[in-house]
Amino acid sequence: MRRLIAGALLAVATLTGTASPALAENPVHFGTIWLNGAQVRTLLPPSAFPNAGTDSFYRVPGTGGVAAVGPGAGDYHGGAWKVFDVTWNVSQRPLTSAGAVLAAAAAGEITIARNAEADFRCPIQP
C-alpha cells in the first residue's frame, strides 16, 4: 500500500513538473466584456482569427469590448468575433451594449471602422 501511495505521489510530482512550464508559457485567464448591458466572462488569451469573424465585437475606448450576441442567441457563433474599432467624436461615456454603440453612431457621437485583421476567437463563458 505504501508503495502504491509513493508511486502515485511520484507520478503527480512528475506531471506537475512538466505541466508547469507549459502553463507558464501560455497562461489562460478570464476577462470580461459587455453583452446587453451586463459584464460576461471570456477566456483569455484569445486566438487570432484574421478576416474570419462573424459576430460583431466593438472595441470602445473607455468601455472595453462590447459583444453584439452571446450564448443563447440563435446567431451566436461561439465567439468568432468580427472586430469594429470605435472612435469618439464627443466626450467618452460608457457604451455597454451593441444597441448603445449603434445608437451613438447614428447620433454622430462615435465613428465605427471595420478592423478585419483584428478578428479573433474567444468564447463567452457561462
N, C-alpha and C. Protein backbone atom coordinates (compact mmCIF):
# COMPACT_ATOMS: atom_id res chain seq x y z
N MET A 1 0.83 -1.20 0.00
CA MET A 1 0.00 0.00 0.00
C MET A 1 0.87 1.26 0.00
N ARG A 2 1.95 1.23 0.81
CA ARG A 2 2.85 2.38 0.87
C ARG A 2 3.51 2.63 -0.49
N ARG A 3 3.88 1.54 -1.18
CA ARG A 3 4.49 1.68 -2.50
C ARG A 3 3.50 2.30 -3.49
N LEU A 4 2.24 1.91 -3.39
CA LEU A 4 1.22 2.45 -4.28
C LEU A 4 1.05 3.95 -4.06
N ILE A 5 0.98 4.37 -2.80
CA ILE A 5 0.85 5.79 -2.48
C ILE A 5 2.09 6.56 -2.92
N ALA A 6 3.27 5.99 -2.64
CA ALA A 6 4.51 6.65 -3.04
C ALA A 6 4.58 6.78 -4.56
N GLY A 7 4.17 5.74 -5.27
CA GLY A 7 4.17 5.78 -6.73
C GLY A 7 3.21 6.83 -7.27
N ALA A 8 2.05 6.93 -6.65
CA ALA A 8 1.06 7.92 -7.08
C ALA A 8 1.58 9.33 -6.84
N LEU A 9 2.21 9.56 -5.69
CA LEU A 9 2.77 10.88 -5.39
C LEU A 9 3.89 11.24 -6.37
N LEU A 10 4.71 10.26 -6.70
CA LEU A 10 5.79 10.49 -7.66
C LEU A 10 5.21 10.85 -9.04
N ALA A 11 4.17 10.15 -9.45
CA ALA A 11 3.54 10.44 -10.74
C ALA A 11 2.96 11.85 -10.77
N VAL A 12 2.29 12.24 -9.70
CA VAL A 12 1.72 13.59 -9.62
C VAL A 12 2.82 14.64 -9.67
N ALA A 13 3.90 14.42 -8.92
CA ALA A 13 5.01 15.37 -8.91
C ALA A 13 5.64 15.48 -10.29
N THR A 14 5.78 14.37 -10.99
CA THR A 14 6.36 14.39 -12.33
C THR A 14 5.47 15.14 -13.30
N LEU A 15 4.16 14.86 -13.27
CA LEU A 15 3.23 15.55 -14.17
C LEU A 15 3.18 17.04 -13.87
N THR A 16 3.18 17.40 -12.60
CA THR A 16 3.15 18.81 -12.22
C THR A 16 4.41 19.51 -12.70
N GLY A 17 5.55 18.86 -12.58
CA GLY A 17 6.81 19.44 -13.00
C GLY A 17 6.87 19.69 -14.49
N THR A 18 6.26 18.81 -15.29
CA THR A 18 6.29 19.01 -16.74
C THR A 18 5.18 19.92 -17.22
N ALA A 19 4.08 19.99 -16.50
CA ALA A 19 2.96 20.83 -16.93
C ALA A 19 3.19 22.30 -16.60
N SER A 20 3.86 22.60 -15.51
CA SER A 20 4.02 23.98 -15.07
C SER A 20 4.70 24.87 -16.11
N PRO A 21 5.82 24.44 -16.73
CA PRO A 21 6.43 25.31 -17.74
C PRO A 21 5.49 25.59 -18.92
N ALA A 22 4.73 24.60 -19.33
CA ALA A 22 3.80 24.81 -20.45
C ALA A 22 2.72 25.81 -20.07
N LEU A 23 2.22 25.71 -18.85
CA LEU A 23 1.19 26.65 -18.40
C LEU A 23 1.75 28.06 -18.26
N ALA A 24 3.00 28.17 -17.85
CA ALA A 24 3.61 29.49 -17.69
C ALA A 24 3.79 30.18 -19.04
N GLU A 25 4.06 29.40 -20.10
CA GLU A 25 4.25 29.98 -21.43
C GLU A 25 2.94 30.45 -22.05
N ASN A 26 1.83 29.81 -21.72
CA ASN A 26 0.55 30.14 -22.33
C ASN A 26 -0.52 30.23 -21.24
N PRO A 27 -0.42 31.25 -20.37
CA PRO A 27 -1.38 31.33 -19.28
C PRO A 27 -2.79 31.62 -19.80
N VAL A 28 -3.76 31.01 -19.16
CA VAL A 28 -5.16 31.23 -19.52
C VAL A 28 -5.80 31.99 -18.37
N HIS A 29 -6.47 33.06 -18.69
CA HIS A 29 -7.13 33.90 -17.69
C HIS A 29 -8.56 34.17 -18.15
N PHE A 30 -9.36 34.59 -17.21
CA PHE A 30 -10.71 35.03 -17.56
C PHE A 30 -10.73 36.54 -17.58
N GLY A 31 -11.41 37.10 -18.55
CA GLY A 31 -11.62 38.53 -18.64
C GLY A 31 -13.11 38.78 -18.75
N THR A 32 -13.49 40.03 -18.93
CA THR A 32 -14.90 40.34 -19.10
C THR A 32 -15.10 41.28 -20.28
N ILE A 33 -16.26 41.15 -20.90
CA ILE A 33 -16.70 42.07 -21.95
C ILE A 33 -18.16 42.40 -21.66
N TRP A 34 -18.69 43.36 -22.38
CA TRP A 34 -20.09 43.77 -22.20
C TRP A 34 -20.98 43.04 -23.20
N LEU A 35 -22.14 42.59 -22.72
CA LEU A 35 -23.16 41.96 -23.55
C LEU A 35 -24.52 42.38 -23.02
N ASN A 36 -25.25 43.15 -23.80
CA ASN A 36 -26.60 43.60 -23.42
C ASN A 36 -26.63 44.28 -22.05
N GLY A 37 -25.64 45.11 -21.77
CA GLY A 37 -25.61 45.88 -20.53
C GLY A 37 -25.06 45.16 -19.32
N ALA A 38 -24.61 43.93 -19.47
CA ALA A 38 -24.05 43.17 -18.35
C ALA A 38 -22.65 42.68 -18.73
N GLN A 39 -21.78 42.58 -17.73
CA GLN A 39 -20.45 42.04 -17.99
C GLN A 39 -20.52 40.52 -17.96
N VAL A 40 -19.87 39.89 -18.95
CA VAL A 40 -19.80 38.44 -19.04
C VAL A 40 -18.34 38.02 -19.13
N ARG A 41 -18.07 36.78 -18.70
CA ARG A 41 -16.69 36.28 -18.69
C ARG A 41 -16.28 35.75 -20.06
N THR A 42 -15.00 35.92 -20.34
CA THR A 42 -14.40 35.36 -21.55
C THR A 42 -13.12 34.65 -21.16
N LEU A 43 -12.63 33.82 -22.03
CA LEU A 43 -11.41 33.08 -21.82
C LEU A 43 -10.28 33.78 -22.55
N LEU A 44 -9.20 34.10 -21.84
CA LEU A 44 -8.05 34.78 -22.44
C LEU A 44 -6.83 33.89 -22.34
N PRO A 45 -5.87 33.94 -23.21
CA PRO A 45 -5.79 34.86 -24.34
C PRO A 45 -6.65 34.37 -25.49
N PRO A 46 -7.16 35.31 -26.27
CA PRO A 46 -7.95 34.92 -27.44
C PRO A 46 -7.05 34.39 -28.56
N SER A 47 -7.63 33.70 -29.49
CA SER A 47 -6.90 33.20 -30.66
C SER A 47 -7.13 34.14 -31.84
N ALA A 48 -6.05 34.48 -32.53
CA ALA A 48 -6.17 35.33 -33.72
C ALA A 48 -7.00 34.60 -34.77
N PHE A 49 -7.83 35.34 -35.47
CA PHE A 49 -8.77 34.77 -36.44
C PHE A 49 -8.97 35.79 -37.55
N PRO A 50 -7.87 36.34 -38.14
CA PRO A 50 -7.97 37.46 -39.08
C PRO A 50 -8.93 37.21 -40.24
N ASN A 51 -9.72 38.22 -40.55
CA ASN A 51 -10.64 38.21 -41.69
C ASN A 51 -11.68 37.10 -41.66
N ALA A 52 -11.97 36.55 -40.49
CA ALA A 52 -12.89 35.41 -40.43
C ALA A 52 -13.97 35.56 -39.35
N GLY A 53 -14.11 36.74 -38.77
CA GLY A 53 -15.12 36.93 -37.73
C GLY A 53 -16.52 36.95 -38.30
N THR A 54 -17.48 36.53 -37.48
CA THR A 54 -18.88 36.53 -37.91
C THR A 54 -19.78 37.32 -36.95
N ASP A 55 -19.41 37.41 -35.68
CA ASP A 55 -20.22 38.11 -34.67
C ASP A 55 -19.60 39.46 -34.36
N SER A 56 -20.38 40.52 -34.44
CA SER A 56 -19.85 41.88 -34.24
C SER A 56 -19.33 42.09 -32.83
N PHE A 57 -18.14 42.68 -32.75
CA PHE A 57 -17.47 42.99 -31.48
C PHE A 57 -16.91 44.40 -31.62
N TYR A 58 -17.31 45.29 -30.72
CA TYR A 58 -16.91 46.70 -30.79
C TYR A 58 -15.85 46.98 -29.73
N ARG A 59 -14.72 47.54 -30.14
CA ARG A 59 -13.68 47.96 -29.19
C ARG A 59 -13.90 49.44 -28.91
N VAL A 60 -14.44 49.70 -27.71
CA VAL A 60 -14.88 51.05 -27.35
C VAL A 60 -13.92 51.65 -26.33
N PRO A 61 -13.18 52.72 -26.68
CA PRO A 61 -12.32 53.37 -25.71
C PRO A 61 -13.12 53.84 -24.50
N GLY A 62 -12.61 53.55 -23.32
CA GLY A 62 -13.28 53.95 -22.09
C GLY A 62 -14.28 52.93 -21.58
N THR A 63 -14.66 51.97 -22.40
CA THR A 63 -15.62 50.94 -22.01
C THR A 63 -15.00 49.56 -22.09
N GLY A 64 -14.26 49.29 -23.15
CA GLY A 64 -13.71 47.95 -23.39
C GLY A 64 -14.46 47.28 -24.52
N GLY A 65 -14.50 45.95 -24.49
CA GLY A 65 -15.16 45.19 -25.53
C GLY A 65 -16.67 45.12 -25.33
N VAL A 66 -17.40 45.24 -26.44
CA VAL A 66 -18.86 45.13 -26.42
C VAL A 66 -19.26 44.11 -27.48
N ALA A 67 -19.89 43.03 -27.05
CA ALA A 67 -20.33 41.97 -27.96
C ALA A 67 -21.76 42.22 -28.41
N ALA A 68 -22.04 41.90 -29.67
CA ALA A 68 -23.39 42.07 -30.21
C ALA A 68 -24.29 40.89 -29.87
N VAL A 69 -23.72 39.70 -29.74
CA VAL A 69 -24.50 38.49 -29.44
C VAL A 69 -23.73 37.62 -28.46
N GLY A 70 -24.44 36.67 -27.85
CA GLY A 70 -23.82 35.76 -26.91
C GLY A 70 -24.55 34.43 -26.86
N PRO A 71 -24.12 33.54 -25.97
CA PRO A 71 -24.75 32.23 -25.86
C PRO A 71 -26.26 32.35 -25.68
N GLY A 72 -26.97 31.49 -26.38
CA GLY A 72 -28.43 31.50 -26.32
C GLY A 72 -29.06 32.25 -27.47
N ALA A 73 -28.30 33.13 -28.11
CA ALA A 73 -28.81 33.84 -29.29
C ALA A 73 -28.62 32.92 -30.50
N GLY A 74 -29.62 32.85 -31.34
CA GLY A 74 -29.56 31.96 -32.50
C GLY A 74 -28.44 32.28 -33.46
N ASP A 75 -27.98 33.53 -33.48
CA ASP A 75 -26.93 33.92 -34.42
C ASP A 75 -25.56 34.04 -33.77
N TYR A 76 -25.36 33.43 -32.59
CA TYR A 76 -24.06 33.42 -31.91
C TYR A 76 -23.23 32.27 -32.48
N HIS A 77 -22.00 32.54 -32.86
CA HIS A 77 -21.13 31.55 -33.49
C HIS A 77 -19.96 31.13 -32.59
N GLY A 78 -20.16 31.10 -31.30
CA GLY A 78 -19.14 30.62 -30.38
C GLY A 78 -18.00 31.57 -30.12
N GLY A 79 -18.18 32.83 -30.40
CA GLY A 79 -17.13 33.81 -30.13
C GLY A 79 -16.17 34.01 -31.28
N ALA A 80 -16.64 33.90 -32.50
CA ALA A 80 -15.84 34.22 -33.69
C ALA A 80 -16.09 35.70 -33.98
N TRP A 81 -15.26 36.56 -33.37
CA TRP A 81 -15.56 38.00 -33.34
C TRP A 81 -15.09 38.75 -34.56
N LYS A 82 -15.99 39.53 -35.11
CA LYS A 82 -15.77 40.44 -36.24
C LYS A 82 -15.55 41.82 -35.62
N VAL A 83 -14.32 42.30 -35.64
CA VAL A 83 -13.92 43.47 -34.85
C VAL A 83 -14.22 44.79 -35.57
N PHE A 84 -14.78 45.70 -34.79
CA PHE A 84 -15.01 47.08 -35.21
C PHE A 84 -14.37 47.99 -34.17
N ASP A 85 -13.55 48.94 -34.63
CA ASP A 85 -12.94 49.92 -33.73
C ASP A 85 -13.81 51.16 -33.66
N VAL A 86 -13.99 51.65 -32.45
CA VAL A 86 -14.82 52.84 -32.22
C VAL A 86 -13.91 54.02 -31.90
N THR A 87 -14.20 55.17 -32.50
CA THR A 87 -13.51 56.42 -32.21
C THR A 87 -14.56 57.41 -31.74
N TRP A 88 -14.27 58.09 -30.64
CA TRP A 88 -15.22 59.07 -30.10
C TRP A 88 -15.12 60.40 -30.83
N ASN A 89 -16.26 61.00 -31.12
CA ASN A 89 -16.34 62.34 -31.70
C ASN A 89 -16.78 63.35 -30.65
N VAL A 90 -17.18 62.86 -29.49
CA VAL A 90 -17.60 63.68 -28.34
C VAL A 90 -16.93 63.09 -27.10
N SER A 91 -17.21 63.63 -25.93
CA SER A 91 -16.65 63.08 -24.69
C SER A 91 -17.09 61.63 -24.50
N GLN A 92 -16.16 60.81 -24.03
CA GLN A 92 -16.46 59.39 -23.81
C GLN A 92 -17.51 59.20 -22.72
N ARG A 93 -18.30 58.15 -22.89
CA ARG A 93 -19.23 57.68 -21.87
C ARG A 93 -19.34 56.17 -22.05
N PRO A 94 -19.79 55.46 -21.04
CA PRO A 94 -19.89 54.00 -21.18
C PRO A 94 -20.94 53.60 -22.22
N LEU A 95 -20.57 52.68 -23.08
CA LEU A 95 -21.49 52.04 -24.02
C LEU A 95 -21.42 50.55 -23.71
N THR A 96 -22.49 49.97 -23.18
CA THR A 96 -22.42 48.61 -22.66
C THR A 96 -23.29 47.61 -23.42
N SER A 97 -23.73 47.97 -24.61
CA SER A 97 -24.47 47.03 -25.45
C SER A 97 -24.28 47.43 -26.91
N ALA A 98 -24.49 46.47 -27.79
CA ALA A 98 -24.37 46.78 -29.22
C ALA A 98 -25.41 47.82 -29.63
N GLY A 99 -26.58 47.76 -29.03
CA GLY A 99 -27.61 48.76 -29.32
C GLY A 99 -27.16 50.16 -28.96
N ALA A 100 -26.48 50.30 -27.81
CA ALA A 100 -25.97 51.61 -27.40
C ALA A 100 -24.88 52.09 -28.35
N VAL A 101 -24.03 51.16 -28.82
CA VAL A 101 -22.97 51.52 -29.77
C VAL A 101 -23.59 52.02 -31.08
N LEU A 102 -24.56 51.29 -31.58
CA LEU A 102 -25.19 51.68 -32.86
C LEU A 102 -25.98 52.97 -32.73
N ALA A 103 -26.61 53.19 -31.58
CA ALA A 103 -27.34 54.44 -31.35
C ALA A 103 -26.38 55.63 -31.30
N ALA A 104 -25.22 55.44 -30.64
CA ALA A 104 -24.22 56.50 -30.57
C ALA A 104 -23.67 56.82 -31.97
N ALA A 105 -23.51 55.78 -32.79
CA ALA A 105 -23.05 56.00 -34.17
C ALA A 105 -24.10 56.77 -34.97
N ALA A 106 -25.36 56.40 -34.81
CA ALA A 106 -26.44 57.09 -35.53
C ALA A 106 -26.55 58.55 -35.12
N ALA A 107 -26.20 58.84 -33.86
CA ALA A 107 -26.25 60.22 -33.36
C ALA A 107 -24.99 61.00 -33.70
N GLY A 108 -24.00 60.35 -34.33
CA GLY A 108 -22.76 61.03 -34.69
C GLY A 108 -21.78 61.17 -33.55
N GLU A 109 -22.03 60.51 -32.43
CA GLU A 109 -21.14 60.60 -31.27
C GLU A 109 -19.87 59.79 -31.44
N ILE A 110 -19.95 58.74 -32.24
CA ILE A 110 -18.80 57.87 -32.49
C ILE A 110 -18.71 57.56 -33.97
N THR A 111 -17.53 57.10 -34.36
CA THR A 111 -17.30 56.57 -35.70
C THR A 111 -16.90 55.12 -35.53
N ILE A 112 -17.48 54.24 -36.34
CA ILE A 112 -17.18 52.81 -36.28
C ILE A 112 -16.43 52.42 -37.55
N ALA A 113 -15.29 51.74 -37.38
CA ALA A 113 -14.49 51.30 -38.53
C ALA A 113 -14.21 49.80 -38.41
N ARG A 114 -14.42 49.07 -39.49
CA ARG A 114 -14.14 47.63 -39.52
C ARG A 114 -12.64 47.41 -39.46
N ASN A 115 -12.19 46.45 -38.63
CA ASN A 115 -10.78 46.10 -38.50
C ASN A 115 -10.65 44.59 -38.66
N ALA A 116 -10.72 44.11 -39.90
CA ALA A 116 -10.75 42.67 -40.19
C ALA A 116 -9.49 41.94 -39.73
N GLU A 117 -8.35 42.62 -39.73
CA GLU A 117 -7.11 41.99 -39.29
C GLU A 117 -7.13 41.67 -37.80
N ALA A 118 -7.98 42.33 -37.03
CA ALA A 118 -8.05 42.13 -35.58
C ALA A 118 -9.07 41.07 -35.18
N ASP A 119 -9.78 40.45 -36.14
CA ASP A 119 -10.77 39.42 -35.80
C ASP A 119 -10.12 38.34 -34.94
N PHE A 120 -10.90 37.80 -34.01
CA PHE A 120 -10.36 36.80 -33.09
C PHE A 120 -11.45 35.86 -32.63
N ARG A 121 -11.03 34.75 -32.02
CA ARG A 121 -11.96 33.78 -31.44
C ARG A 121 -11.72 33.75 -29.94
N CYS A 122 -12.81 33.94 -29.20
CA CYS A 122 -12.75 33.97 -27.75
C CYS A 122 -14.17 33.75 -27.23
N PRO A 123 -14.49 32.56 -26.75
CA PRO A 123 -15.87 32.28 -26.35
C PRO A 123 -16.27 33.00 -25.08
N ILE A 124 -17.56 33.28 -24.98
CA ILE A 124 -18.13 33.81 -23.74
C ILE A 124 -18.40 32.63 -22.82
N GLN A 125 -18.00 32.75 -21.57
CA GLN A 125 -18.17 31.68 -20.59
C GLN A 125 -19.44 31.88 -19.78
N PRO A 126 -20.17 30.81 -19.50
CA PRO A 126 -21.39 30.95 -18.68
C PRO A 126 -21.08 31.31 -17.24
